[in-house]
Amino acid sequence: MKGMLLHKAREFALLAVSTYNNPYTEFKTYGYIVNIVIAYTALFHAIFEKKGTNYFHLKDGKPIIIDGEEKAWELMECCNEYWKGVERPEKYNLQFLIGLRNKIEHRSLPAIDLAVAGECQSALMNFENLLVEEFGDSHALCANLAIAMQLSRVLRDPLINPPMHSPLLRAAGLEPQPQLRSVEL
């Protein structure tokens, strides 16, 4: 089970990066966020499998069954268990992305690609650090990723490139907290 979850985590993280870096993908950030949330959820489930932690919902001591499967913890529940009693920037980064994911699933959003690029990059770096810390260098993503080619010219259209503290992000309740980012190199 741990091996399958670890494979799923790595595949969805790579899919997130592939989606984000694909020049033909219009909804880069949306696709990235949905896939990185799946990747993190699978990674935490693999960690809990490794540690023997029960990460399934129970009612009266019995597993809750949904669609014939035991209901596993969602990402925020995993974060709260993994970093129990500890406030970590990585946890706040994921909390921000979970909020975005929920809005992506249930409502439309303005173009936010460049406004949250730092949050997305932090999530990937933090994912890699957690993956290697828990499962070793042999599972690292970096061997599968090339450095993405980028253009240095950035569009000035506020709908495409809103400033970090733009009214669009505030109105959507998505203004990131810069002091909460964590990237360890």
N, C-alpha and C. Protein backbone atom coordinates (compact mmCIF):
# COMPACT_ATOMS: atom_id res chain seq x y z
N MET A 1 0.82 -1.19 0.00
CA MET A 1 0.00 0.00 0.00
C MET A 1 0.87 1.26 0.00
N LYS A 2 1.91 1.27 0.87
CA LYS A 2 2.80 2.43 0.95
C LYS A 2 3.44 2.70 -0.39
N GLY A 3 3.88 1.65 -1.09
CA GLY A 3 4.53 1.80 -2.39
C GLY A 3 3.61 2.40 -3.44
N MET A 4 2.35 1.97 -3.43
CA MET A 4 1.38 2.51 -4.38
C MET A 4 1.10 3.97 -4.08
N LEU A 5 0.96 4.31 -2.80
CA LEU A 5 0.71 5.71 -2.41
C LEU A 5 1.90 6.60 -2.76
N LEU A 6 3.09 6.09 -2.55
CA LEU A 6 4.30 6.85 -2.88
C LEU A 6 4.39 7.08 -4.38
N HIS A 7 4.08 6.04 -5.15
CA HIS A 7 4.07 6.16 -6.61
C HIS A 7 3.03 7.21 -7.04
N LYS A 8 1.85 7.15 -6.46
CA LYS A 8 0.79 8.11 -6.76
C LYS A 8 1.24 9.54 -6.42
N ALA A 9 1.85 9.71 -5.28
CA ALA A 9 2.33 11.03 -4.86
C ALA A 9 3.32 11.60 -5.86
N ARG A 10 4.29 10.80 -6.25
CA ARG A 10 5.30 11.26 -7.21
C ARG A 10 4.68 11.56 -8.57
N GLU A 11 3.80 10.69 -9.05
CA GLU A 11 3.18 10.88 -10.36
C GLU A 11 2.34 12.16 -10.40
N PHE A 12 1.56 12.41 -9.35
CA PHE A 12 0.73 13.61 -9.35
C PHE A 12 1.57 14.87 -9.17
N ALA A 13 2.67 14.80 -8.45
CA ALA A 13 3.57 15.96 -8.34
C ALA A 13 4.19 16.26 -9.71
N LEU A 14 4.63 15.23 -10.41
CA LEU A 14 5.19 15.43 -11.75
C LEU A 14 4.13 15.92 -12.73
N LEU A 15 2.91 15.42 -12.59
CA LEU A 15 1.80 15.89 -13.43
C LEU A 15 1.51 17.37 -13.15
N ALA A 16 1.58 17.76 -11.88
CA ALA A 16 1.37 19.17 -11.52
C ALA A 16 2.40 20.06 -12.21
N VAL A 17 3.65 19.66 -12.15
CA VAL A 17 4.72 20.44 -12.78
C VAL A 17 4.55 20.45 -14.29
N SER A 18 4.24 19.30 -14.86
CA SER A 18 4.04 19.20 -16.31
C SER A 18 2.90 20.11 -16.76
N THR A 19 1.82 20.12 -16.02
CA THR A 19 0.68 20.98 -16.34
C THR A 19 1.08 22.45 -16.27
N TYR A 20 1.79 22.80 -15.22
CA TYR A 20 2.19 24.19 -15.00
C TYR A 20 3.15 24.67 -16.09
N ASN A 21 4.06 23.80 -16.50
CA ASN A 21 5.08 24.19 -17.47
C ASN A 21 4.64 24.04 -18.93
N ASN A 22 3.47 23.47 -19.17
CA ASN A 22 3.01 23.24 -20.54
C ASN A 22 2.52 24.55 -21.16
N PRO A 23 3.17 25.02 -22.24
CA PRO A 23 2.76 26.29 -22.84
C PRO A 23 1.38 26.25 -23.48
N TYR A 24 0.84 25.07 -23.71
CA TYR A 24 -0.48 24.96 -24.33
C TYR A 24 -1.61 24.86 -23.31
N THR A 25 -1.27 24.82 -22.04
CA THR A 25 -2.28 24.72 -20.99
C THR A 25 -2.71 26.12 -20.57
N GLU A 26 -3.99 26.39 -20.67
CA GLU A 26 -4.50 27.71 -20.29
C GLU A 26 -4.67 27.85 -18.78
N PHE A 27 -5.13 26.81 -18.12
CA PHE A 27 -5.40 26.88 -16.70
C PHE A 27 -4.26 26.26 -15.91
N LYS A 28 -3.06 26.79 -16.08
CA LYS A 28 -1.85 26.25 -15.48
C LYS A 28 -1.94 26.12 -13.96
N THR A 29 -2.23 27.23 -13.33
CA THR A 29 -2.24 27.24 -11.88
C THR A 29 -3.34 26.35 -11.34
N TYR A 30 -4.50 26.39 -11.96
CA TYR A 30 -5.60 25.56 -11.50
C TYR A 30 -5.22 24.08 -11.56
N GLY A 31 -4.69 23.65 -12.69
CA GLY A 31 -4.27 22.25 -12.84
C GLY A 31 -3.16 21.88 -11.89
N TYR A 32 -2.20 22.80 -11.73
CA TYR A 32 -1.09 22.56 -10.81
C TYR A 32 -1.61 22.34 -9.39
N ILE A 33 -2.48 23.25 -8.94
CA ILE A 33 -2.95 23.19 -7.55
C ILE A 33 -3.74 21.92 -7.28
N VAL A 34 -4.65 21.57 -8.17
CA VAL A 34 -5.43 20.35 -7.98
C VAL A 34 -4.51 19.13 -7.90
N ASN A 35 -3.53 19.05 -8.79
CA ASN A 35 -2.63 17.89 -8.81
C ASN A 35 -1.66 17.88 -7.64
N ILE A 36 -1.17 19.04 -7.20
CA ILE A 36 -0.22 19.04 -6.08
C ILE A 36 -0.94 18.71 -4.78
N VAL A 37 -2.22 19.07 -4.67
CA VAL A 37 -2.99 18.68 -3.48
C VAL A 37 -3.17 17.16 -3.44
N ILE A 38 -3.46 16.56 -4.58
CA ILE A 38 -3.56 15.10 -4.65
C ILE A 38 -2.21 14.47 -4.30
N ALA A 39 -1.13 15.05 -4.84
CA ALA A 39 0.21 14.52 -4.57
C ALA A 39 0.54 14.56 -3.08
N TYR A 40 0.29 15.70 -2.45
CA TYR A 40 0.56 15.82 -1.01
C TYR A 40 -0.29 14.86 -0.19
N THR A 41 -1.56 14.73 -0.55
CA THR A 41 -2.44 13.83 0.20
C THR A 41 -1.90 12.40 0.13
N ALA A 42 -1.52 11.95 -1.05
CA ALA A 42 -0.96 10.60 -1.21
C ALA A 42 0.37 10.47 -0.46
N LEU A 43 1.19 11.52 -0.49
CA LEU A 43 2.47 11.47 0.22
C LEU A 43 2.25 11.33 1.73
N PHE A 44 1.33 12.12 2.28
CA PHE A 44 1.06 11.98 3.72
C PHE A 44 0.48 10.61 4.05
N HIS A 45 -0.38 10.09 3.19
CA HIS A 45 -0.92 8.75 3.44
C HIS A 45 0.20 7.71 3.42
N ALA A 46 1.16 7.87 2.51
CA ALA A 46 2.31 6.95 2.46
C ALA A 46 3.15 7.07 3.73
N ILE A 47 3.34 8.29 4.20
CA ILE A 47 4.09 8.51 5.45
C ILE A 47 3.37 7.85 6.61
N PHE A 48 2.06 8.02 6.69
CA PHE A 48 1.30 7.42 7.78
C PHE A 48 1.32 5.89 7.69
N GLU A 49 1.28 5.35 6.48
CA GLU A 49 1.42 3.89 6.30
C GLU A 49 2.77 3.44 6.86
N LYS A 50 3.82 4.17 6.51
CA LYS A 50 5.17 3.82 6.96
C LYS A 50 5.26 3.84 8.48
N LYS A 51 4.60 4.81 9.10
CA LYS A 51 4.68 4.98 10.55
C LYS A 51 3.62 4.17 11.31
N GLY A 52 2.72 3.52 10.58
CA GLY A 52 1.67 2.75 11.23
C GLY A 52 0.57 3.60 11.85
N THR A 53 0.40 4.83 11.34
CA THR A 53 -0.64 5.74 11.82
C THR A 53 -1.93 5.49 11.05
N ASN A 54 -3.03 5.30 11.76
CA ASN A 54 -4.32 5.12 11.11
C ASN A 54 -4.80 6.48 10.60
N TYR A 55 -4.96 6.60 9.30
CA TYR A 55 -5.36 7.88 8.69
C TYR A 55 -6.75 7.77 8.05
N PHE A 56 -7.57 6.92 8.62
CA PHE A 56 -8.93 6.75 8.13
C PHE A 56 -9.93 7.26 9.16
N HIS A 57 -11.05 7.78 8.67
CA HIS A 57 -12.11 8.26 9.54
C HIS A 57 -12.82 7.07 10.18
N LEU A 58 -13.09 7.20 11.48
CA LEU A 58 -13.79 6.16 12.21
C LEU A 58 -15.07 6.73 12.82
N LYS A 59 -16.07 5.88 12.90
CA LYS A 59 -17.31 6.22 13.60
C LYS A 59 -17.63 5.04 14.50
N ASP A 60 -17.68 5.29 15.79
CA ASP A 60 -17.90 4.23 16.78
C ASP A 60 -16.84 3.14 16.64
N GLY A 61 -15.60 3.55 16.34
CA GLY A 61 -14.49 2.61 16.23
C GLY A 61 -14.42 1.84 14.94
N LYS A 62 -15.35 2.08 14.03
CA LYS A 62 -15.37 1.36 12.75
C LYS A 62 -15.10 2.34 11.60
N PRO A 63 -14.41 1.87 10.56
CA PRO A 63 -14.13 2.77 9.44
C PRO A 63 -15.40 3.25 8.75
N ILE A 64 -15.40 4.51 8.36
CA ILE A 64 -16.49 5.06 7.55
C ILE A 64 -16.23 4.62 6.11
N ILE A 65 -17.24 4.05 5.48
CA ILE A 65 -17.11 3.55 4.11
C ILE A 65 -17.84 4.49 3.15
N ILE A 66 -17.14 4.92 2.10
CA ILE A 66 -17.74 5.74 1.05
C ILE A 66 -17.41 5.09 -0.28
N ASP A 67 -18.42 4.83 -1.07
CA ASP A 67 -18.24 4.18 -2.38
C ASP A 67 -17.43 2.89 -2.26
N GLY A 68 -17.65 2.15 -1.19
CA GLY A 68 -17.00 0.86 -1.00
C GLY A 68 -15.57 0.94 -0.47
N GLU A 69 -15.09 2.12 -0.16
CA GLU A 69 -13.71 2.31 0.33
C GLU A 69 -13.73 3.01 1.68
N GLU A 70 -12.69 2.75 2.48
CA GLU A 70 -12.55 3.47 3.74
C GLU A 70 -12.24 4.93 3.44
N LYS A 71 -12.90 5.84 4.17
CA LYS A 71 -12.68 7.27 3.97
C LYS A 71 -11.39 7.69 4.66
N ALA A 72 -10.43 8.11 3.85
CA ALA A 72 -9.13 8.55 4.36
C ALA A 72 -9.16 10.04 4.68
N TRP A 73 -8.20 10.48 5.48
CA TRP A 73 -8.10 11.89 5.83
C TRP A 73 -7.84 12.72 4.60
N GLU A 74 -8.39 13.92 4.60
CA GLU A 74 -8.09 14.91 3.57
C GLU A 74 -6.77 15.60 3.94
N LEU A 75 -6.27 16.40 3.03
CA LEU A 75 -4.94 16.99 3.19
C LEU A 75 -4.79 17.81 4.47
N MET A 76 -5.75 18.65 4.80
CA MET A 76 -5.59 19.48 6.01
C MET A 76 -5.54 18.63 7.26
N GLU A 77 -6.32 17.55 7.30
CA GLU A 77 -6.26 16.63 8.44
C GLU A 77 -4.87 15.99 8.53
N CYS A 78 -4.31 15.65 7.37
CA CYS A 78 -2.97 15.07 7.34
C CYS A 78 -1.93 16.07 7.86
N CYS A 79 -2.04 17.31 7.42
CA CYS A 79 -1.11 18.36 7.88
C CYS A 79 -1.20 18.52 9.40
N ASN A 80 -2.42 18.57 9.90
CA ASN A 80 -2.61 18.76 11.34
C ASN A 80 -2.04 17.61 12.15
N GLU A 81 -2.11 16.40 11.61
CA GLU A 81 -1.53 15.25 12.31
C GLU A 81 -0.01 15.24 12.19
N TYR A 82 0.50 15.48 10.99
CA TYR A 82 1.94 15.42 10.76
C TYR A 82 2.68 16.50 11.55
N TRP A 83 2.13 17.71 11.54
CA TRP A 83 2.74 18.82 12.26
C TRP A 83 1.94 19.14 13.52
N LYS A 84 1.51 18.12 14.21
CA LYS A 84 0.66 18.29 15.41
C LYS A 84 1.36 19.18 16.42
N GLY A 85 0.66 20.26 16.79
CA GLY A 85 1.19 21.18 17.80
C GLY A 85 2.33 22.06 17.33
N VAL A 86 2.65 22.01 16.04
CA VAL A 86 3.75 22.80 15.50
C VAL A 86 3.22 23.67 14.37
N GLU A 87 3.55 24.94 14.41
CA GLU A 87 3.16 25.84 13.32
C GLU A 87 4.34 25.91 12.34
N ARG A 88 4.11 25.43 11.13
CA ARG A 88 5.16 25.38 10.12
C ARG A 88 4.75 26.18 8.89
N PRO A 89 5.68 26.88 8.26
CA PRO A 89 5.36 27.60 7.02
C PRO A 89 4.83 26.68 5.93
N GLU A 90 5.33 25.44 5.89
CA GLU A 90 4.86 24.48 4.89
C GLU A 90 3.36 24.21 5.05
N LYS A 91 2.93 24.14 6.30
CA LYS A 91 1.52 23.90 6.60
C LYS A 91 0.67 25.07 6.11
N TYR A 92 1.15 26.30 6.33
CA TYR A 92 0.41 27.48 5.88
C TYR A 92 0.38 27.57 4.36
N ASN A 93 1.47 27.16 3.72
CA ASN A 93 1.51 27.14 2.26
C ASN A 93 0.44 26.19 1.73
N LEU A 94 0.34 25.01 2.33
CA LEU A 94 -0.67 24.03 1.90
C LEU A 94 -2.07 24.51 2.23
N GLN A 95 -2.24 25.16 3.36
CA GLN A 95 -3.55 25.69 3.73
C GLN A 95 -4.01 26.71 2.68
N PHE A 96 -3.10 27.56 2.22
CA PHE A 96 -3.41 28.54 1.19
C PHE A 96 -3.82 27.83 -0.11
N LEU A 97 -3.04 26.82 -0.51
CA LEU A 97 -3.34 26.09 -1.75
C LEU A 97 -4.64 25.29 -1.64
N ILE A 98 -4.93 24.75 -0.47
CA ILE A 98 -6.20 24.03 -0.28
C ILE A 98 -7.37 25.00 -0.45
N GLY A 99 -7.24 26.21 0.08
CA GLY A 99 -8.27 27.22 -0.09
C GLY A 99 -8.48 27.56 -1.56
N LEU A 100 -7.37 27.69 -2.31
CA LEU A 100 -7.47 27.93 -3.75
C LEU A 100 -8.12 26.75 -4.45
N ARG A 101 -7.70 25.54 -4.08
CA ARG A 101 -8.27 24.33 -4.70
C ARG A 101 -9.78 24.28 -4.50
N ASN A 102 -10.23 24.62 -3.29
CA ASN A 102 -11.66 24.60 -3.01
C ASN A 102 -12.39 25.62 -3.87
N LYS A 103 -11.81 26.77 -4.07
CA LYS A 103 -12.43 27.80 -4.92
C LYS A 103 -12.41 27.35 -6.38
N ILE A 104 -11.35 26.70 -6.81
CA ILE A 104 -11.26 26.20 -8.18
C ILE A 104 -12.36 25.17 -8.43
N GLU A 105 -12.56 24.27 -7.48
CA GLU A 105 -13.58 23.22 -7.62
C GLU A 105 -14.99 23.76 -7.65
N HIS A 106 -15.26 24.79 -6.85
CA HIS A 106 -16.64 25.21 -6.63
C HIS A 106 -17.02 26.56 -7.23
N ARG A 107 -16.04 27.36 -7.66
CA ARG A 107 -16.32 28.67 -8.24
C ARG A 107 -15.27 28.98 -9.29
N SER A 108 -15.50 30.03 -10.03
CA SER A 108 -14.47 30.45 -10.99
C SER A 108 -13.57 31.48 -10.32
N LEU A 109 -12.39 31.61 -10.84
CA LEU A 109 -11.41 32.54 -10.28
C LEU A 109 -10.86 33.45 -11.37
N PRO A 110 -10.35 34.60 -10.98
CA PRO A 110 -9.65 35.42 -11.96
C PRO A 110 -8.31 34.77 -12.30
N ALA A 111 -7.68 35.24 -13.36
CA ALA A 111 -6.36 34.73 -13.72
C ALA A 111 -5.38 35.07 -12.60
N ILE A 112 -4.76 34.07 -12.03
CA ILE A 112 -3.88 34.28 -10.87
C ILE A 112 -2.50 33.66 -11.07
N ASP A 113 -2.21 33.18 -12.26
CA ASP A 113 -0.97 32.42 -12.48
C ASP A 113 0.26 33.10 -11.88
N LEU A 114 0.54 34.32 -12.27
CA LEU A 114 1.75 34.96 -11.80
C LEU A 114 1.65 35.41 -10.35
N ALA A 115 0.45 35.69 -9.89
CA ALA A 115 0.27 36.15 -8.51
C ALA A 115 0.59 35.08 -7.48
N VAL A 116 0.41 33.81 -7.83
CA VAL A 116 0.65 32.73 -6.86
C VAL A 116 1.79 31.80 -7.29
N ALA A 117 2.58 32.24 -8.25
CA ALA A 117 3.70 31.40 -8.72
C ALA A 117 4.65 31.05 -7.59
N GLY A 118 4.91 32.00 -6.71
CA GLY A 118 5.80 31.73 -5.57
C GLY A 118 5.24 30.69 -4.63
N GLU A 119 3.94 30.75 -4.39
CA GLU A 119 3.30 29.75 -3.53
C GLU A 119 3.39 28.36 -4.17
N CYS A 120 3.20 28.31 -5.48
CA CYS A 120 3.29 27.03 -6.20
C CYS A 120 4.71 26.48 -6.16
N GLN A 121 5.69 27.36 -6.37
CA GLN A 121 7.10 26.93 -6.32
C GLN A 121 7.45 26.44 -4.92
N SER A 122 6.99 27.17 -3.90
CA SER A 122 7.24 26.74 -2.52
C SER A 122 6.66 25.36 -2.25
N ALA A 123 5.44 25.15 -2.72
CA ALA A 123 4.79 23.85 -2.51
C ALA A 123 5.60 22.72 -3.12
N LEU A 124 6.13 22.95 -4.31
CA LEU A 124 6.93 21.91 -4.98
C LEU A 124 8.24 21.65 -4.22
N MET A 125 8.92 22.72 -3.83
CA MET A 125 10.17 22.55 -3.09
C MET A 125 9.92 21.85 -1.75
N ASN A 126 8.85 22.25 -1.07
CA ASN A 126 8.51 21.62 0.21
C ASN A 126 8.13 20.16 0.02
N PHE A 127 7.42 19.84 -1.07
CA PHE A 127 7.06 18.46 -1.38
C PHE A 127 8.33 17.63 -1.54
N GLU A 128 9.25 18.14 -2.34
CA GLU A 128 10.52 17.42 -2.58
C GLU A 128 11.27 17.20 -1.27
N ASN A 129 11.35 18.22 -0.43
CA ASN A 129 12.05 18.09 0.85
C ASN A 129 11.39 17.04 1.74
N LEU A 130 10.07 17.05 1.82
CA LEU A 130 9.35 16.09 2.65
C LEU A 130 9.50 14.67 2.09
N LEU A 131 9.40 14.54 0.79
CA LEU A 131 9.55 13.24 0.13
C LEU A 131 10.92 12.63 0.43
N VAL A 132 11.96 13.42 0.27
CA VAL A 132 13.33 12.93 0.49
C VAL A 132 13.58 12.68 1.97
N GLU A 133 13.08 13.57 2.82
CA GLU A 133 13.25 13.41 4.27
C GLU A 133 12.62 12.11 4.77
N GLU A 134 11.45 11.78 4.25
CA GLU A 134 10.72 10.61 4.72
C GLU A 134 11.10 9.31 4.01
N PHE A 135 11.50 9.41 2.72
CA PHE A 135 11.71 8.19 1.94
C PHE A 135 13.08 8.08 1.26
N GLY A 136 13.90 9.10 1.38
CA GLY A 136 15.26 9.03 0.86
C GLY A 136 15.43 9.61 -0.54
N ASP A 137 16.69 9.85 -0.88
CA ASP A 137 17.06 10.47 -2.16
C ASP A 137 16.61 9.68 -3.38
N SER A 138 16.47 8.38 -3.26
CA SER A 138 16.10 7.56 -4.41
C SER A 138 14.69 7.88 -4.92
N HIS A 139 13.88 8.56 -4.11
CA HIS A 139 12.52 8.91 -4.50
C HIS A 139 12.37 10.37 -4.94
N ALA A 140 13.47 11.11 -4.95
CA ALA A 140 13.43 12.53 -5.29
C ALA A 140 12.87 12.75 -6.70
N LEU A 141 12.20 13.87 -6.87
CA LEU A 141 11.65 14.24 -8.17
C LEU A 141 12.68 14.89 -9.08
N CYS A 142 13.69 15.49 -8.50
CA CYS A 142 14.61 16.33 -9.28
C CYS A 142 15.23 15.60 -10.46
N ALA A 143 15.40 14.30 -10.37
CA ALA A 143 15.98 13.56 -11.50
C ALA A 143 15.03 13.52 -12.70
N ASN A 144 13.73 13.69 -12.46
CA ASN A 144 12.73 13.66 -13.53
C ASN A 144 12.41 15.02 -14.11
N LEU A 145 12.93 16.08 -13.50
CA LEU A 145 12.56 17.42 -13.92
C LEU A 145 13.74 18.15 -14.55
N ALA A 146 13.48 18.78 -15.66
CA ALA A 146 14.47 19.64 -16.29
C ALA A 146 14.17 21.07 -15.85
N ILE A 147 15.13 21.93 -16.01
CA ILE A 147 14.87 23.34 -15.71
C ILE A 147 14.00 23.89 -16.83
N ALA A 148 12.88 24.48 -16.45
CA ALA A 148 11.94 25.00 -17.44
C ALA A 148 12.51 26.23 -18.11
N MET A 149 12.29 26.31 -19.40
CA MET A 149 12.67 27.51 -20.15
C MET A 149 11.65 28.59 -19.84
N GLN A 150 12.13 29.82 -19.67
CA GLN A 150 11.22 30.90 -19.34
C GLN A 150 11.55 32.14 -20.16
N LEU A 151 10.54 32.97 -20.33
CA LEU A 151 10.73 34.27 -20.95
C LEU A 151 10.92 35.30 -19.86
N SER A 152 11.69 36.33 -20.13
CA SER A 152 11.93 37.34 -19.10
C SER A 152 10.91 38.47 -19.15
N ARG A 153 10.18 38.59 -20.23
CA ARG A 153 9.19 39.65 -20.36
C ARG A 153 7.89 39.21 -19.69
N VAL A 154 7.33 40.04 -18.84
CA VAL A 154 6.10 39.72 -18.13
C VAL A 154 5.03 40.70 -18.59
N LEU A 155 3.84 40.18 -18.86
CA LEU A 155 2.73 41.03 -19.28
C LEU A 155 2.31 41.95 -18.13
N ARG A 156 1.89 43.16 -18.48
CA ARG A 156 1.49 44.12 -17.46
C ARG A 156 -0.02 44.21 -17.29
N ASP A 157 -0.77 43.39 -17.99
CA ASP A 157 -2.23 43.38 -17.87
C ASP A 157 -2.60 42.90 -16.47
N PRO A 158 -3.30 43.73 -15.67
CA PRO A 158 -3.60 43.33 -14.29
C PRO A 158 -4.47 42.09 -14.16
N LEU A 159 -5.24 41.74 -15.20
CA LEU A 159 -6.03 40.52 -15.12
C LEU A 159 -5.17 39.29 -15.33
N ILE A 160 -4.07 39.45 -16.06
CA ILE A 160 -3.17 38.32 -16.29
C ILE A 160 -2.07 38.29 -15.25
N ASN A 161 -1.61 39.46 -14.82
CA ASN A 161 -0.51 39.55 -13.89
C ASN A 161 -0.87 40.49 -12.74
N PRO A 162 -1.79 40.09 -11.86
CA PRO A 162 -2.16 40.99 -10.78
C PRO A 162 -1.02 41.11 -9.77
N PRO A 163 -0.85 42.30 -9.17
CA PRO A 163 0.16 42.42 -8.13
C PRO A 163 -0.21 41.51 -6.96
N MET A 164 0.78 41.17 -6.14
CA MET A 164 0.54 40.23 -5.04
C MET A 164 -0.58 40.68 -4.10
N HIS A 165 -0.80 41.96 -3.96
CA HIS A 165 -1.83 42.45 -3.05
C HIS A 165 -2.92 43.15 -3.86
N SER A 166 -3.38 42.51 -4.89
CA SER A 166 -4.35 43.13 -5.78
C SER A 166 -5.76 43.02 -5.24
N PRO A 167 -6.64 43.93 -5.65
CA PRO A 167 -8.05 43.83 -5.26
C PRO A 167 -8.70 42.53 -5.73
N LEU A 168 -8.24 41.98 -6.88
CA LEU A 168 -8.78 40.71 -7.36
C LEU A 168 -8.53 39.59 -6.37
N LEU A 169 -7.30 39.50 -5.88
CA LEU A 169 -6.98 38.45 -4.92
C LEU A 169 -7.70 38.69 -3.60
N ARG A 170 -7.74 39.96 -3.16
CA ARG A 170 -8.45 40.27 -1.90
C ARG A 170 -9.92 39.92 -2.01
N ALA A 171 -10.56 40.28 -3.13
CA ALA A 171 -11.98 40.02 -3.33
C ALA A 171 -12.28 38.52 -3.33
N ALA A 172 -11.35 37.75 -3.87
CA ALA A 172 -11.54 36.30 -3.90
C ALA A 172 -11.12 35.65 -2.58
N GLY A 173 -10.59 36.47 -1.64
CA GLY A 173 -10.13 35.93 -0.37
C GLY A 173 -8.87 35.11 -0.52
N LEU A 174 -8.01 35.48 -1.50
CA LEU A 174 -6.85 34.65 -1.83
C LEU A 174 -5.53 35.38 -1.67
N GLU A 175 -5.52 36.48 -0.98
CA GLU A 175 -4.27 37.22 -0.86
C GLU A 175 -3.28 36.39 -0.03
N PRO A 176 -2.14 36.01 -0.63
CA PRO A 176 -1.18 35.18 0.10
C PRO A 176 -0.48 35.97 1.20
N GLN A 177 0.01 35.25 2.18
CA GLN A 177 0.77 35.85 3.27
C GLN A 177 2.23 35.57 3.02
N PRO A 178 3.01 36.56 2.49
CA PRO A 178 4.38 36.31 2.09
C PRO A 178 5.25 35.76 3.21
N GLN A 179 5.01 36.17 4.46
CA GLN A 179 5.84 35.70 5.56
C GLN A 179 5.64 34.23 5.85
N LEU A 180 4.64 33.59 5.22
CA LEU A 180 4.35 32.20 5.50
C LEU A 180 4.99 31.24 4.52
N ARG A 181 5.66 31.76 3.50
CA ARG A 181 6.30 30.88 2.52
C ARG A 181 7.52 30.22 3.13
N SER A 182 7.78 29.02 2.72
CA SER A 182 8.96 28.31 3.18
C SER A 182 9.56 27.56 2.02
N VAL A 183 10.80 27.86 1.75
CA VAL A 183 11.54 27.11 0.76
C VAL A 183 12.92 26.89 1.35
N GLU A 184 13.25 25.66 1.58
CA GLU A 184 14.57 25.33 2.09
C GLU A 184 15.40 24.77 0.96
N LEU A 185 16.54 25.34 0.76
CA LEU A 185 17.42 24.85 -0.31
C LEU A 185 18.55 24.04 0.25
